[in-house]
């Protein structure tokens, strides 16, 4: 099992803290997102890649890492991740592309090191 990147850990901790204050909202959100990420016409890997691309465009570093890790856990290849970064960058320009080539490369490097 790959270790979780600090940004994904922070996101999960934030969700836990929020759930303590607003359990009904968190339960509704979790049910909605769980349903959205179930396999359907698109499989879970494709959905995480799509969410990673959207997160790249919006500059949401926590969600970039969270969905990158989700895509990897669903078997995404480095090439699929690179193509997602490229498409997001083509649409979102330099800021989007820089998040992809820097943050995604950093996380992928950590994952490759942890696999050795």
PDB file of N, CA and C in Angstrom:
ATOM      1  N   UNK A   1       0.841  -1.187   0.000  1.00  0.00           N
ATOM      2  CA  UNK A   1       0.000   0.000   0.000  1.00  0.00           C
ATOM      3  C   UNK A   1       0.887   1.252   0.000  1.00  0.00           C
ATOM      4  N   UNK A   2       0.522   2.220  -0.831  1.00  0.00           N
ATOM      5  CA  UNK A   2       1.288   3.458  -0.900  1.00  0.00           C
ATOM      6  C   UNK A   2       0.942   4.357   0.281  1.00  0.00           C
ATOM      7  N   UNK A   3       1.932   5.103   0.739  1.00  0.00           N
ATOM      8  CA  UNK A   3       1.670   6.056   1.810  1.00  0.00           C
ATOM      9  C   UNK A   3       0.927   7.257   1.239  1.00  0.00           C
ATOM     10  N   UNK A   4       0.119   7.850   2.067  1.00  0.00           N
ATOM     11  CA  UNK A   4      -0.692   8.988   1.650  1.00  0.00           C
ATOM     12  C   UNK A   4       0.136  10.270   1.739  1.00  0.00           C
ATOM     13  N   UNK A   5       0.034  11.111   0.744  1.00  0.00           N
ATOM     14  CA  UNK A   5       0.723  12.402   0.727  1.00  0.00           C
ATOM     15  C   UNK A   5       0.124  13.299   1.820  1.00  0.00           C
ATOM     16  N   UNK A   6       0.931  14.181   2.368  1.00  0.00           N
ATOM     17  CA  UNK A   6       0.502  15.066   3.466  1.00  0.00           C
ATOM     18  C   UNK A   6      -0.742  15.880   3.102  1.00  0.00           C
ATOM     19  N   UNK A   7      -0.856  16.335   1.857  1.00  0.00           N
ATOM     20  CA  UNK A   7      -2.038  17.123   1.480  1.00  0.00           C
ATOM     21  C   UNK A   7      -3.308  16.278   1.526  1.00  0.00           C
ATOM     22  N   UNK A   8      -3.220  15.020   1.124  1.00  0.00           N
ATOM     23  CA  UNK A   8      -4.389  14.133   1.214  1.00  0.00           C
ATOM     24  C   UNK A   8      -4.720  13.842   2.676  1.00  0.00           C
ATOM     25  N   UNK A   9      -3.692  13.668   3.499  1.00  0.00           N
ATOM     26  CA  UNK A   9      -3.916  13.455   4.936  1.00  0.00           C
ATOM     27  C   UNK A   9      -4.619  14.669   5.551  1.00  0.00           C
ATOM     28  N   UNK A  10      -4.150  15.869   5.210  1.00  0.00           N
ATOM     29  CA  UNK A  10      -4.767  17.090   5.738  1.00  0.00           C
ATOM     30  C   UNK A  10      -6.232  17.195   5.322  1.00  0.00           C
ATOM     31  N   UNK A  11      -6.521  16.842   4.085  1.00  0.00           N
ATOM     32  CA  UNK A  11      -7.900  16.891   3.594  1.00  0.00           C
ATOM     33  C   UNK A  11      -8.783  15.932   4.386  1.00  0.00           C
ATOM     34  N   UNK A  12      -8.311  14.703   4.560  1.00  0.00           N
ATOM     35  CA  UNK A  12      -9.099  13.719   5.316  1.00  0.00           C
ATOM     36  C   UNK A  12      -9.313  14.174   6.765  1.00  0.00           C
ATOM     37  N   UNK A  13      -8.295  14.757   7.368  1.00  0.00           N
ATOM     38  CA  UNK A  13      -8.428  15.258   8.741  1.00  0.00           C
ATOM     39  C   UNK A  13      -9.438  16.402   8.798  1.00  0.00           C
ATOM     40  N   UNK A  14      -9.394  17.273   7.807  1.00  0.00           N
ATOM     41  CA  UNK A  14     -10.368  18.359   7.744  1.00  0.00           C
ATOM     42  C   UNK A  14     -11.793  17.841   7.627  1.00  0.00           C
ATOM     43  N   UNK A  15     -11.980  16.807   6.821  1.00  0.00           N
ATOM     44  CA  UNK A  15     -13.309  16.198   6.692  1.00  0.00           C
ATOM     45  C   UNK A  15     -13.774  15.623   8.027  1.00  0.00           C
ATOM     46  N   UNK A  16     -12.867  14.958   8.735  1.00  0.00           N
ATOM     47  CA  UNK A  16     -13.235  14.384  10.054  1.00  0.00           C
ATOM     48  C   UNK A  16     -13.630  15.486  11.036  1.00  0.00           C
ATOM     49  N   UNK A  17     -12.875  16.568  11.067  1.00  0.00           N
ATOM     50  CA  UNK A  17     -13.187  17.681  11.977  1.00  0.00           C
ATOM     51  C   UNK A  17     -14.526  18.317  11.619  1.00  0.00           C
ATOM     52  N   UNK A  18     -14.753  18.522  10.332  1.00  0.00           N
ATOM     53  CA  UNK A  18     -16.009  19.112   9.887  1.00  0.00           C
ATOM     54  C   UNK A  18     -17.181  18.200  10.244  1.00  0.00           C
ATOM     55  N   UNK A  19     -16.990  16.893  10.097  1.00  0.00           N
ATOM     56  CA  UNK A  19     -18.054  15.928  10.407  1.00  0.00           C
ATOM     57  C   UNK A  19     -18.468  15.993  11.864  1.00  0.00           C
ATOM     58  N   UNK A  20     -17.544  16.318  12.757  1.00  0.00           N
ATOM     59  CA  UNK A  20     -17.885  16.442  14.170  1.00  0.00           C
ATOM     60  C   UNK A  20     -18.801  17.648  14.411  1.00  0.00           C
ATOM     61  N   UNK A  21     -18.580  18.714  13.667  1.00  0.00           N
ATOM     62  CA  UNK A  21     -19.397  19.917  13.834  1.00  0.00           C
ATOM     63  C   UNK A  21     -20.711  19.842  13.053  1.00  0.00           C
ATOM     64  N   UNK A  22     -20.661  19.235  11.866  1.00  0.00           N
ATOM     65  CA  UNK A  22     -21.806  19.224  10.956  1.00  0.00           C
ATOM     66  C   UNK A  22     -22.042  17.817  10.412  1.00  0.00           C
ATOM     67  N   UNK A  23     -22.410  16.870  11.270  1.00  0.00           N
ATOM     68  CA  UNK A  23     -22.520  15.482  10.824  1.00  0.00           C
ATOM     69  C   UNK A  23     -23.557  15.265   9.718  1.00  0.00           C
ATOM     70  N   UNK A  24     -24.684  15.963   9.772  1.00  0.00           N
ATOM     71  CA  UNK A  24     -25.713  15.771   8.746  1.00  0.00           C
ATOM     72  C   UNK A  24     -25.222  16.247   7.375  1.00  0.00           C
ATOM     73  N   UNK A  25     -24.539  17.377   7.358  1.00  0.00           N
ATOM     74  CA  UNK A  25     -23.999  17.901   6.109  1.00  0.00           C
ATOM     75  C   UNK A  25     -22.924  16.954   5.573  1.00  0.00           C
ATOM     76  N   UNK A  26     -22.042  16.503   6.463  1.00  0.00           N
ATOM     77  CA  UNK A  26     -20.960  15.616   6.037  1.00  0.00           C
ATOM     78  C   UNK A  26     -21.506  14.302   5.521  1.00  0.00           C
ATOM     79  N   UNK A  27     -22.521  13.755   6.190  1.00  0.00           N
ATOM     80  CA  UNK A  27     -23.126  12.507   5.728  1.00  0.00           C
ATOM     81  C   UNK A  27     -23.752  12.676   4.351  1.00  0.00           C
ATOM     82  N   UNK A  28     -24.442  13.788   4.129  1.00  0.00           N
ATOM     83  CA  UNK A  28     -25.063  14.041   2.821  1.00  0.00           C
ATOM     84  C   UNK A  28     -23.993  14.209   1.740  1.00  0.00           C
ATOM     85  N   UNK A  29     -22.935  14.944   2.077  1.00  0.00           N
ATOM     86  CA  UNK A  29     -21.846  15.157   1.126  1.00  0.00           C
ATOM     87  C   UNK A  29     -21.163  13.834   0.792  1.00  0.00           C
ATOM     88  N   UNK A  30     -20.889  13.029   1.809  1.00  0.00           N
ATOM     89  CA  UNK A  30     -20.227  11.743   1.598  1.00  0.00           C
ATOM     90  C   UNK A  30     -21.089  10.820   0.747  1.00  0.00           C
ATOM     91  N   UNK A  31     -22.385  10.791   1.019  1.00  0.00           N
ATOM     92  CA  UNK A  31     -23.285   9.949   0.230  1.00  0.00           C
ATOM     93  C   UNK A  31     -23.288  10.408  -1.228  1.00  0.00           C
ATOM     94  N   UNK A  32     -23.371  11.715  -1.449  1.00  0.00           N
ATOM     95  CA  UNK A  32     -23.379  12.263  -2.804  1.00  0.00           C
ATOM     96  C   UNK A  32     -22.085  11.938  -3.553  1.00  0.00           C
ATOM     97  N   UNK A  33     -20.938  12.223  -2.921  1.00  0.00           N
ATOM     98  CA  UNK A  33     -19.673  11.997  -3.621  1.00  0.00           C
ATOM     99  C   UNK A  33     -19.394  10.510  -3.820  1.00  0.00           C
ATOM    100  N   UNK A  34     -19.780   9.690  -2.862  1.00  0.00           N
ATOM    101  CA  UNK A  34     -19.610   8.247  -3.016  1.00  0.00           C
ATOM    102  C   UNK A  34     -20.398   7.756  -4.223  1.00  0.00           C
ATOM    103  N   UNK A  35     -21.607   8.244  -4.361  1.00  0.00           N
ATOM    104  CA  UNK A  35     -22.436   7.867  -5.508  1.00  0.00           C
ATOM    105  C   UNK A  35     -21.811   8.366  -6.810  1.00  0.00           C
ATOM    106  N   UNK A  36     -21.318   9.590  -6.810  1.00  0.00           N
ATOM    107  CA  UNK A  36     -20.703  10.157  -8.020  1.00  0.00           C
ATOM    108  C   UNK A  36     -19.487   9.364  -8.475  1.00  0.00           C
ATOM    109  N   UNK A  37     -18.727   8.810  -7.546  1.00  0.00           N
ATOM    110  CA  UNK A  37     -17.493   8.124  -7.902  1.00  0.00           C
ATOM    111  C   UNK A  37     -17.655   6.615  -8.064  1.00  0.00           C
ATOM    112  N   UNK A  38     -18.895   6.120  -8.008  1.00  0.00           N
ATOM    113  CA  UNK A  38     -19.114   4.708  -8.299  1.00  0.00           C
ATOM    114  C   UNK A  38     -18.931   4.475  -9.792  1.00  0.00           C
ATOM    115  N   UNK A  39     -18.481   3.276 -10.130  1.00  0.00           N
ATOM    116  CA  UNK A  39     -18.335   2.922 -11.540  1.00  0.00           C
ATOM    117  C   UNK A  39     -19.698   2.948 -12.217  1.00  0.00           C
ATOM    118  N   UNK A  40     -19.712   3.490 -13.403  1.00  0.00           N
ATOM    119  CA  UNK A  40     -20.917   3.541 -14.222  1.00  0.00           C
ATOM    120  C   UNK A  40     -20.463   3.493 -15.673  1.00  0.00           C
ATOM    121  N   UNK A  41     -20.951   4.420 -16.490  1.00  0.00           N
ATOM    122  CA  UNK A  41     -20.472   4.522 -17.863  1.00  0.00           C
ATOM    123  C   UNK A  41     -18.974   4.845 -17.869  1.00  0.00           C
ATOM    124  N   UNK A  42     -18.530   5.593 -16.848  1.00  0.00           N
ATOM    125  CA  UNK A  42     -17.107   5.846 -16.625  1.00  0.00           C
ATOM    126  C   UNK A  42     -16.672   5.017 -15.429  1.00  0.00           C
ATOM    127  N   UNK A  43     -15.478   4.442 -15.509  1.00  0.00           N
ATOM    128  CA  UNK A  43     -15.017   3.685 -14.351  1.00  0.00           C
ATOM    129  C   UNK A  43     -14.425   4.639 -13.315  1.00  0.00           C
ATOM    130  N   UNK A  44     -14.106   4.109 -12.144  1.00  0.00           N
ATOM    131  CA  UNK A  44     -13.605   4.929 -11.030  1.00  0.00           C
ATOM    132  C   UNK A  44     -12.285   5.614 -11.386  1.00  0.00           C
ATOM    133  N   UNK A  45     -11.425   4.939 -12.125  1.00  0.00           N
ATOM    134  CA  UNK A  45     -10.158   5.545 -12.533  1.00  0.00           C
ATOM    135  C   UNK A  45     -10.418   6.776 -13.396  1.00  0.00           C
ATOM    136  N   UNK A  46     -11.293   6.655 -14.375  1.00  0.00           N
ATOM    137  CA  UNK A  46     -11.607   7.784 -15.248  1.00  0.00           C
ATOM    138  C   UNK A  46     -12.197   8.944 -14.456  1.00  0.00           C
ATOM    139  N   UNK A  47     -13.023   8.636 -13.485  1.00  0.00           N
ATOM    140  CA  UNK A  47     -13.634   9.686 -12.676  1.00  0.00           C
ATOM    141  C   UNK A  47     -12.599  10.405 -11.822  1.00  0.00           C
ATOM    142  N   UNK A  48     -11.646   9.666 -11.254  1.00  0.00           N
ATOM    143  CA  UNK A  48     -10.583  10.318 -10.482  1.00  0.00           C
ATOM    144  C   UNK A  48      -9.678  11.152 -11.388  1.00  0.00           C
ATOM    145  N   UNK A  49      -9.387  10.662 -12.585  1.00  0.00           N
ATOM    146  CA  UNK A  49      -8.584  11.455 -13.520  1.00  0.00           C
ATOM    147  C   UNK A  49      -9.318  12.739 -13.897  1.00  0.00           C
ATOM    148  N   UNK A  50     -10.614  12.643 -14.130  1.00  0.00           N
ATOM    149  CA  UNK A  50     -11.418  13.824 -14.454  1.00  0.00           C
ATOM    150  C   UNK A  50     -11.401  14.810 -13.286  1.00  0.00           C
ATOM    151  N   UNK A  51     -11.602  14.301 -12.090  1.00  0.00           N
ATOM    152  CA  UNK A  51     -11.602  15.167 -10.905  1.00  0.00           C
ATOM    153  C   UNK A  51     -10.223  15.790 -10.691  1.00  0.00           C
ATOM    154  N   UNK A  52      -9.163  15.040 -10.977  1.00  0.00           N
ATOM    155  CA  UNK A  52      -7.818  15.594 -10.854  1.00  0.00           C
ATOM    156  C   UNK A  52      -7.634  16.737 -11.848  1.00  0.00           C
ATOM    157  N   UNK A  53      -8.116  16.567 -13.075  1.00  0.00           N
ATOM    158  CA  UNK A  53      -8.017  17.628 -14.075  1.00  0.00           C
ATOM    159  C   UNK A  53      -8.774  18.879 -13.656  1.00  0.00           C
ATOM    160  N   UNK A  54      -9.952  18.704 -13.103  1.00  0.00           N
ATOM    161  CA  UNK A  54     -10.739  19.843 -12.619  1.00  0.00           C
ATOM    162  C   UNK A  54     -10.017  20.509 -11.447  1.00  0.00           C
ATOM    163  N   UNK A  55      -9.463  19.693 -10.556  1.00  0.00           N
ATOM    164  CA  UNK A  55      -8.727  20.234  -9.417  1.00  0.00           C
ATOM    165  C   UNK A  55      -7.486  20.998  -9.864  1.00  0.00           C
ATOM    166  N   UNK A  56      -6.810  20.506 -10.894  1.00  0.00           N
ATOM    167  CA  UNK A  56      -5.672  21.232 -11.457  1.00  0.00           C
ATOM    168  C   UNK A  56      -6.124  22.598 -11.959  1.00  0.00           C
ATOM    169  N   UNK A  57      -7.234  22.634 -12.673  1.00  0.00           N
ATOM    170  CA  UNK A  57      -7.751  23.885 -13.233  1.00  0.00           C
ATOM    171  C   UNK A  57      -8.117  24.880 -12.136  1.00  0.00           C
ATOM    172  N   UNK A  58      -8.705  24.388 -11.055  1.00  0.00           N
ATOM    173  CA  UNK A  58      -9.128  25.288  -9.980  1.00  0.00           C
ATOM    174  C   UNK A  58      -8.003  25.590  -8.995  1.00  0.00           C
ATOM    175  N   UNK A  59      -6.872  24.891  -9.122  1.00  0.00           N
ATOM    176  CA  UNK A  59      -5.737  25.135  -8.239  1.00  0.00           C
ATOM    177  C   UNK A  59      -5.920  24.577  -6.841  1.00  0.00           C
ATOM    178  N   UNK A  60      -6.781  23.585  -6.693  1.00  0.00           N
ATOM    179  CA  UNK A  60      -7.060  22.994  -5.387  1.00  0.00           C
ATOM    180  C   UNK A  60      -6.047  21.880  -5.113  1.00  0.00           C
ATOM    181  N   UNK A  61      -4.944  22.243  -4.445  1.00  0.00           N
ATOM    182  CA  UNK A  61      -3.847  21.301  -4.249  1.00  0.00           C
ATOM    183  C   UNK A  61      -4.244  20.066  -3.457  1.00  0.00           C
ATOM    184  N   UNK A  62      -5.085  20.233  -2.454  1.00  0.00           N
ATOM    185  CA  UNK A  62      -5.513  19.079  -1.664  1.00  0.00           C
ATOM    186  C   UNK A  62      -6.270  18.078  -2.539  1.00  0.00           C
ATOM    187  N   UNK A  63      -7.173  18.586  -3.383  1.00  0.00           N
ATOM    188  CA  UNK A  63      -7.953  17.686  -4.235  1.00  0.00           C
ATOM    189  C   UNK A  63      -7.125  17.140  -5.397  1.00  0.00           C
ATOM    190  N   UNK A  64      -6.137  17.900  -5.869  1.00  0.00           N
ATOM    191  CA  UNK A  64      -5.231  17.360  -6.894  1.00  0.00           C
ATOM    192  C   UNK A  64      -4.603  16.081  -6.364  1.00  0.00           C
ATOM    193  N   UNK A  65      -4.042  16.171  -5.175  1.00  0.00           N
ATOM    194  CA  UNK A  65      -3.350  15.020  -4.590  1.00  0.00           C
ATOM    195  C   UNK A  65      -4.342  13.914  -4.239  1.00  0.00           C
ATOM    196  N   UNK A  66      -5.473  14.269  -3.652  1.00  0.00           N
ATOM    197  CA  UNK A  66      -6.479  13.281  -3.271  1.00  0.00           C
ATOM    198  C   UNK A  66      -6.918  12.459  -4.487  1.00  0.00           C
ATOM    199  N   UNK A  67      -7.223  13.142  -5.594  1.00  0.00           N
ATOM    200  CA  UNK A  67      -7.701  12.425  -6.784  1.00  0.00           C
ATOM    201  C   UNK A  67      -6.565  11.767  -7.555  1.00  0.00           C
ATOM    202  N   UNK A  68      -5.364  12.312  -7.476  1.00  0.00           N
ATOM    203  CA  UNK A  68      -4.201  11.621  -8.040  1.00  0.00           C
ATOM    204  C   UNK A  68      -4.019  10.284  -7.329  1.00  0.00           C
ATOM    205  N   UNK A  69      -4.077  10.306  -6.008  1.00  0.00           N
ATOM    206  CA  UNK A  69      -3.955   9.064  -5.251  1.00  0.00           C
ATOM    207  C   UNK A  69      -5.105   8.113  -5.554  1.00  0.00           C
ATOM    208  N   UNK A  70      -6.309   8.668  -5.737  1.00  0.00           N
ATOM    209  CA  UNK A  70      -7.455   7.831  -6.107  1.00  0.00           C
ATOM    210  C   UNK A  70      -7.249   7.174  -7.463  1.00  0.00           C
ATOM    211  N   UNK A  71      -6.750   7.938  -8.425  1.00  0.00           N
ATOM    212  CA  UNK A  71      -6.498   7.397  -9.766  1.00  0.00           C
ATOM    213  C   UNK A  71      -5.420   6.317  -9.713  1.00  0.00           C
ATOM    214  N   UNK A  72      -4.363   6.576  -8.952  1.00  0.00           N
ATOM    215  CA  UNK A  72      -3.304   5.572  -8.820  1.00  0.00           C
ATOM    216  C   UNK A  72      -3.835   4.294  -8.186  1.00  0.00           C
ATOM    217  N   UNK A  73      -4.674   4.434  -7.166  1.00  0.00           N
ATOM    218  CA  UNK A  73      -5.212   3.246  -6.499  1.00  0.00           C
ATOM    219  C   UNK A  73      -6.135   2.455  -7.416  1.00  0.00           C
ATOM    220  N   UNK A  74      -6.665   3.117  -8.438  1.00  0.00           N
ATOM    221  CA  UNK A  74      -7.528   2.446  -9.418  1.00  0.00           C
ATOM    222  C   UNK A  74      -6.731   1.961 -10.632  1.00  0.00           C
ATOM    223  N   UNK A  75      -5.393   2.074 -10.553  1.00  0.00           N
ATOM    224  CA  UNK A  75      -4.556   1.516 -11.607  1.00  0.00           C
ATOM    225  C   UNK A  75      -4.132   2.481 -12.700  1.00  0.00           C
ATOM    226  N   UNK A  76      -4.287   3.787 -12.483  1.00  0.00           N
ATOM    227  CA  UNK A  76      -3.878   4.749 -13.505  1.00  0.00           C
ATOM    228  C   UNK A  76      -2.375   4.667 -13.736  1.00  0.00           C
ATOM    229  N   UNK A  77      -1.994   4.765 -14.991  1.00  0.00           N
ATOM    230  CA  UNK A  77      -0.574   4.740 -15.339  1.00  0.00           C
ATOM    231  C   UNK A  77      -0.006   6.157 -15.301  1.00  0.00           C
ATOM    232  N   UNK A  78       1.315   6.246 -15.273  1.00  0.00           N
ATOM    233  CA  UNK A  78       1.956   7.560 -15.319  1.00  0.00           C
ATOM    234  C   UNK A  78       1.576   8.295 -16.606  1.00  0.00           C
ATOM    235  N   UNK A  79       1.423   7.569 -17.697  1.00  0.00           N
ATOM    236  CA  UNK A  79       1.044   8.175 -18.983  1.00  0.00           C
ATOM    237  C   UNK A  79      -0.369   8.748 -18.908  1.00  0.00           C
ATOM    238  N   UNK A  80      -1.299   8.029 -18.292  1.00  0.00           N
ATOM    239  CA  UNK A  80      -2.669   8.536 -18.154  1.00  0.00           C
ATOM    240  C   UNK A  80      -2.684   9.804 -17.294  1.00  0.00           C
ATOM    241  N   UNK A  81      -1.888   9.807 -16.250  1.00  0.00           N
ATOM    242  CA  UNK A  81      -1.807  10.984 -15.382  1.00  0.00           C
ATOM    243  C   UNK A  81      -1.190  12.149 -16.144  1.00  0.00           C
ATOM    244  N   UNK A  82      -0.118  11.875 -16.901  1.00  0.00           N
ATOM    245  CA  UNK A  82       0.523  12.929 -17.694  1.00  0.00           C
ATOM    246  C   UNK A  82      -0.447  13.500 -18.735  1.00  0.00           C
ATOM    247  N   UNK A  83      -1.233  12.661 -19.378  1.00  0.00           N
ATOM    248  CA  UNK A  83      -2.212  13.145 -20.360  1.00  0.00           C
ATOM    249  C   UNK A  83      -3.288  13.989 -19.692  1.00  0.00           C
ATOM    250  N   UNK A  84      -3.680  13.621 -18.484  1.00  0.00           N
ATOM    251  CA  UNK A  84      -4.656  14.419 -17.738  1.00  0.00           C
ATOM    252  C   UNK A  84      -4.080  15.792 -17.429  1.00  0.00           C
ATOM    253  N   UNK A  85      -2.830  15.836 -17.004  1.00  0.00           N
ATOM    254  CA  UNK A  85      -2.152  17.112 -16.737  1.00  0.00           C
ATOM    255  C   UNK A  85      -2.100  17.937 -18.021  1.00  0.00           C
ATOM    256  N   UNK A  86      -1.765  17.308 -19.133  1.00  0.00           N
ATOM    257  CA  UNK A  86      -1.653  18.023 -20.404  1.00  0.00           C
ATOM    258  C   UNK A  86      -2.987  18.627 -20.834  1.00  0.00           C
ATOM    259  N   UNK A  87      -4.052  17.848 -20.744  1.00  0.00           N
ATOM    260  CA  UNK A  87      -5.372  18.352 -21.155  1.00  0.00           C
ATOM    261  C   UNK A  87      -5.817  19.484 -20.241  1.00  0.00           C
ATOM    262  N   UNK A  88      -5.633  19.314 -18.933  1.00  0.00           N
ATOM    263  CA  UNK A  88      -5.996  20.378 -17.996  1.00  0.00           C
ATOM    264  C   UNK A  88      -5.177  21.631 -18.286  1.00  0.00           C
ATOM    265  N   UNK A  89      -3.888  21.455 -18.567  1.00  0.00           N
ATOM    266  CA  UNK A  89      -3.023  22.582 -18.888  1.00  0.00           C
ATOM    267  C   UNK A  89      -3.401  23.262 -20.193  1.00  0.00           C
ATOM    268  N   UNK A  90      -3.828  22.481 -21.174  1.00  0.00           N
ATOM    269  CA  UNK A  90      -4.262  23.056 -22.449  1.00  0.00           C
ATOM    270  C   UNK A  90      -5.482  23.948 -22.250  1.00  0.00           C
ATOM    271  N   UNK A  91      -6.333  23.565 -21.337  1.00  0.00           N
ATOM    272  CA  UNK A  91      -7.532  24.343 -21.067  1.00  0.00           C
ATOM    273  C   UNK A  91      -7.261  25.488 -20.093  1.00  0.00           C
ATOM    274  N   UNK A  92      -6.473  25.211 -19.060  1.00  0.00           N
ATOM    275  CA  UNK A  92      -6.298  26.174 -17.979  1.00  0.00           C
ATOM    276  C   UNK A  92      -5.062  27.046 -18.055  1.00  0.00           C
ATOM    277  N   UNK A  93      -4.159  26.755 -18.963  1.00  0.00           N
ATOM    278  CA  UNK A  93      -2.977  27.594 -19.133  1.00  0.00           C
ATOM    279  C   UNK A  93      -1.872  27.316 -18.134  1.00  0.00           C
ATOM    280  N   UNK A  94      -1.004  28.302 -17.978  1.00  0.00           N
ATOM    281  CA  UNK A  94       0.230  28.152 -17.218  1.00  0.00           C
ATOM    282  C   UNK A  94       0.051  27.777 -15.769  1.00  0.00           C
ATOM    283  N   UNK A  95      -0.900  28.402 -15.078  1.00  0.00           N
ATOM    284  CA  UNK A  95      -1.100  28.089 -13.664  1.00  0.00           C
ATOM    285  C   UNK A  95      -1.508  26.634 -13.493  1.00  0.00           C
ATOM    286  N   UNK A  96      -2.442  26.195 -14.303  1.00  0.00           N
ATOM    287  CA  UNK A  96      -2.897  24.807 -14.245  1.00  0.00           C
ATOM    288  C   UNK A  96      -1.753  23.863 -14.567  1.00  0.00           C
ATOM    289  N   UNK A  97      -1.028  24.176 -15.624  1.00  0.00           N
ATOM    290  CA  UNK A  97       0.056  23.311 -16.059  1.00  0.00           C
ATOM    291  C   UNK A  97       1.167  23.251 -15.009  1.00  0.00           C
ATOM    292  N   UNK A  98       1.462  24.396 -14.367  1.00  0.00           N
ATOM    293  CA  UNK A  98       2.525  24.393 -13.357  1.00  0.00           C
ATOM    294  C   UNK A  98       2.153  23.526 -12.165  1.00  0.00           C
ATOM    295  N   UNK A  99       0.879  23.551 -11.744  1.00  0.00           N
ATOM    296  CA  UNK A  99       0.454  22.651 -10.674  1.00  0.00           C
ATOM    297  C   UNK A  99       0.681  21.199 -11.094  1.00  0.00           C
ATOM    298  N   UNK A 100       0.372  20.915 -12.333  1.00  0.00           N
ATOM    299  CA  UNK A 100       0.523  19.549 -12.821  1.00  0.00           C
ATOM    300  C   UNK A 100       1.957  19.096 -12.893  1.00  0.00           C
ATOM    301  N   UNK A 101       2.798  19.925 -13.478  1.00  0.00           N
ATOM    302  CA  UNK A 101       4.171  19.465 -13.670  1.00  0.00           C
ATOM    303  C   UNK A 101       4.981  19.519 -12.382  1.00  0.00           C
ATOM    304  N   UNK A 102       4.591  20.354 -11.437  1.00  0.00           N
ATOM    305  CA  UNK A 102       5.349  20.441 -10.178  1.00  0.00           C
ATOM    306  C   UNK A 102       4.744  19.529  -9.121  1.00  0.00           C
ATOM    307  N   UNK A 103       3.480  19.780  -8.736  1.00  0.00           N
ATOM    308  CA  UNK A 103       2.875  19.020  -7.643  1.00  0.00           C
ATOM    309  C   UNK A 103       2.680  17.555  -8.011  1.00  0.00           C
ATOM    310  N   UNK A 104       2.142  17.292  -9.193  1.00  0.00           N
ATOM    311  CA  UNK A 104       1.922  15.899  -9.589  1.00  0.00           C
ATOM    312  C   UNK A 104       3.254  15.167  -9.705  1.00  0.00           C
ATOM    313  N   UNK A 105       4.266  15.815 -10.272  1.00  0.00           N
ATOM    314  CA  UNK A 105       5.589  15.186 -10.364  1.00  0.00           C
ATOM    315  C   UNK A 105       6.161  14.897  -8.989  1.00  0.00           C
ATOM    316  N   UNK A 106       5.985  15.838  -8.054  1.00  0.00           N
ATOM    317  CA  UNK A 106       6.473  15.635  -6.686  1.00  0.00           C
ATOM    318  C   UNK A 106       5.810  14.418  -6.049  1.00  0.00           C
ATOM    319  N   UNK A 107       4.503  14.344  -6.140  1.00  0.00           N
ATOM    320  CA  UNK A 107       3.773  13.233  -5.523  1.00  0.00           C
ATOM    321  C   UNK A 107       4.137  11.919  -6.210  1.00  0.00           C
ATOM    322  N   UNK A 108       4.215  11.927  -7.544  1.00  0.00           N
ATOM    323  CA  UNK A 108       4.576  10.706  -8.263  1.00  0.00           C
ATOM    324  C   UNK A 108       5.981  10.254  -7.867  1.00  0.00           C
ATOM    325  N   UNK A 109       6.896  11.201  -7.698  1.00  0.00           N
ATOM    326  CA  UNK A 109       8.238  10.856  -7.258  1.00  0.00           C
ATOM    327  C   UNK A 109       8.229  10.207  -5.895  1.00  0.00           C
ATOM    328  N   UNK A 110       7.430  10.750  -4.979  1.00  0.00           N
ATOM    329  CA  UNK A 110       7.322  10.152  -3.644  1.00  0.00           C
ATOM    330  C   UNK A 110       6.726   8.751  -3.722  1.00  0.00           C
ATOM    331  N   UNK A 111       5.729   8.575  -4.572  1.00  0.00           N
ATOM    332  CA  UNK A 111       5.079   7.266  -4.701  1.00  0.00           C
ATOM    333  C   UNK A 111       6.056   6.253  -5.275  1.00  0.00           C
ATOM    334  N   UNK A 112       6.840   6.661  -6.278  1.00  0.00           N
ATOM    335  CA  UNK A 112       7.809   5.751  -6.873  1.00  0.00           C
ATOM    336  C   UNK A 112       8.871   5.361  -5.867  1.00  0.00           C
ATOM    337  N   UNK A 113       9.279   6.309  -5.011  1.00  0.00           N
ATOM    338  CA  UNK A 113      10.262   6.003  -3.986  1.00  0.00           C
ATOM    339  C   UNK A 113       9.694   5.049  -2.952  1.00  0.00           C
ATOM    340  N   UNK A 114       8.408   5.222  -2.613  1.00  0.00           N
ATOM    341  CA  UNK A 114       7.828   4.378  -1.591  1.00  0.00           C
ATOM    342  C   UNK A 114       7.571   2.965  -2.099  1.00  0.00           C
ATOM    343  N   UNK A 115       7.579   2.773  -3.412  1.00  0.00           N
ATOM    344  CA  UNK A 115       7.363   1.449  -3.978  1.00  0.00           C
ATOM    345  C   UNK A 115       8.656   0.644  -4.014  1.00  0.00           C
ATOM    346  N   UNK A 116       9.790   1.275  -3.814  1.00  0.00           N
ATOM    347  CA  UNK A 116      11.070   0.582  -3.891  1.00  0.00           C
ATOM    348  C   UNK A 116      11.417  -0.109  -2.591  1.00  0.00           C
TER     349      UNK A 116
END
